[in-house]
Amino acid sequence: MPRVKRGKTHLKRRKNILARTKGMKWGRKSKLKLAKTAAVKAGAYAYRDRRVKKREFRALWQMRINAAAREHGMSYSALMGKIKKANIALDRKALSMLAADHPAVFAAVLKKATT
């Protein structure tokens, strides 16, 4: 009975890892030991940053809304409180887009919230 040889499996695994680190600098793209750690780290950072991205965008929307609200003499927190009380169902993303792209519409929303 012939012995089991693992060459194909090794090459397939190596090829997969090196494919994941393609485009990286130095030995991380070509040396298996460095590529393994680089691939694991890259996956961990990608997983983490998919969640961080949501936080960063929410912060950006808040800054945009605050800047637009202050042009009308109101703070961000006061504006959001009045929008909630007026039952205006616009989320921060939509409000920030209005503030950036359609200031007249944002002013109308602000006026509706304050009356």
Protein backbone atom coordinates (compact mmCIF):
# COMPACT_ATOMS: atom_id res chain seq x y z
CA MET A 1 0.00 0.00 0.00
CA PRO A 2 1.50 3.37 -0.97
CA ARG A 3 2.00 6.06 1.64
CA VAL A 4 -0.17 9.17 1.75
CA LYS A 5 1.61 12.17 0.31
CA ARG A 6 0.43 15.65 1.26
CA GLY A 7 2.12 17.78 -1.39
CA LYS A 8 -1.10 18.82 -3.14
CA THR A 9 -2.74 19.84 0.13
CA HIS A 10 0.30 21.86 1.20
CA LEU A 11 0.51 23.67 -2.13
CA LYS A 12 -3.22 24.40 -2.18
CA ARG A 13 -3.11 25.86 1.35
CA ARG A 14 0.02 27.89 0.54
CA LYS A 15 -1.51 29.22 -2.66
CA ASN A 16 -4.68 30.26 -0.80
CA ILE A 17 -2.76 32.15 1.90
CA LEU A 18 -0.49 33.88 -0.62
CA ALA A 19 -3.56 34.86 -2.69
CA ARG A 20 -5.01 36.57 0.40
CA THR A 21 -1.81 38.57 0.95
CA LYS A 22 -1.32 39.51 -2.70
CA GLY A 23 -0.46 43.17 -3.00
CA MET A 24 1.13 43.45 0.43
CA LYS A 25 4.67 44.75 0.83
CA TRP A 26 7.93 42.97 1.53
CA GLY A 27 7.91 39.33 2.61
CA ARG A 28 4.27 39.31 3.61
CA LYS A 29 3.29 38.64 0.01
CA SER A 30 5.75 35.81 -0.64
CA LYS A 31 6.95 34.16 2.57
CA LEU A 32 4.47 31.72 4.03
CA LYS A 33 5.21 32.34 7.71
CA LEU A 34 4.84 36.12 7.34
CA ALA A 35 1.87 35.75 5.00
CA LYS A 36 -0.05 33.62 7.52
CA THR A 37 0.16 36.25 10.26
CA ALA A 38 -0.56 39.05 7.79
CA ALA A 39 -3.68 37.27 6.51
CA VAL A 40 -4.99 36.66 10.05
CA LYS A 41 -4.35 40.29 11.06
CA ALA A 42 -5.95 41.60 7.86
CA GLY A 43 -9.06 39.52 8.52
CA ALA A 44 -9.26 40.74 12.12
CA TYR A 45 -8.88 44.38 11.08
CA ALA A 46 -11.47 43.97 8.32
CA TYR A 47 -13.97 42.45 10.77
CA ARG A 48 -13.35 45.20 13.35
CA ASP A 49 -13.45 48.04 10.86
CA ARG A 50 -16.75 46.99 9.32
CA ARG A 51 -18.19 47.97 12.70
CA VAL A 52 -15.98 51.03 13.20
CA LYS A 53 -17.10 52.37 9.81
CA LYS A 54 -20.68 52.65 11.08
CA ARG A 55 -19.52 54.68 14.11
CA GLU A 56 -17.40 56.98 11.96
CA PHE A 57 -20.21 57.69 9.52
CA ARG A 58 -22.65 58.45 12.32
CA ALA A 59 -20.11 60.92 13.78
CA LEU A 60 -19.71 62.53 10.35
CA TRP A 61 -23.48 62.90 9.96
CA GLN A 62 -23.72 64.47 13.42
CA MET A 63 -20.99 67.00 12.55
CA ARG A 64 -22.73 67.96 9.31
CA ILE A 65 -26.11 68.37 11.02
CA ASN A 66 -24.54 70.39 13.82
CA ALA A 67 -22.79 72.73 11.36
CA ALA A 68 -26.02 73.28 9.42
CA ALA A 69 -28.06 73.75 12.61
CA ARG A 70 -25.62 76.35 13.96
CA GLU A 71 -26.01 78.36 10.76
CA HIS A 72 -29.65 78.69 11.82
CA GLY A 73 -28.74 79.55 15.42
CA MET A 74 -29.46 76.16 16.99
CA SER A 75 -27.32 73.42 18.48
CA TYR A 76 -27.32 69.81 17.31
CA SER A 77 -28.86 68.46 20.52
CA ALA A 78 -31.62 71.07 20.55
CA LEU A 79 -32.43 70.34 16.91
CA MET A 80 -32.57 66.56 17.44
CA GLY A 81 -34.79 67.00 20.49
CA LYS A 82 -37.22 69.21 18.55
CA ILE A 83 -37.24 66.80 15.59
CA LYS A 84 -38.15 63.94 17.94
CA LYS A 85 -40.95 65.98 19.57
CA ALA A 86 -42.32 67.00 16.16
CA ASN A 87 -42.39 63.32 15.08
CA ILE A 88 -40.24 63.97 12.02
CA ALA A 89 -38.99 60.54 10.98
CA LEU A 90 -35.70 61.50 9.33
CA ASP A 91 -32.58 59.70 10.39
CA ARG A 92 -29.18 61.36 10.77
CA LYS A 93 -27.98 60.16 7.38
CA ALA A 94 -30.94 61.75 5.59
CA LEU A 95 -30.67 64.95 7.62
CA SER A 96 -26.96 65.29 6.87
CA MET A 97 -27.58 64.76 3.15
CA LEU A 98 -30.26 67.44 3.23
CA ALA A 99 -27.94 69.80 5.11
CA ALA A 100 -25.09 69.27 2.64
CA ASP A 101 -26.97 69.05 -0.68
CA HIS A 102 -30.31 70.83 -0.13
CA PRO A 103 -29.95 73.61 2.48
CA ALA A 104 -33.37 75.07 1.64
CA VAL A 105 -35.09 71.77 2.40
CA PHE A 106 -33.05 71.42 5.61
CA ALA A 107 -34.19 74.92 6.64
CA ALA A 108 -37.80 73.89 5.98
CA VAL A 109 -37.37 70.78 8.16
CA LEU A 110 -35.81 72.94 10.89
CA LYS A 111 -38.70 75.41 10.67
CA LYS A 112 -41.25 72.58 10.85
CA ALA A 113 -39.50 71.15 13.92
CA THR A 114 -39.42 74.48 15.77
CA THR A 115 -43.10 75.38 15.18
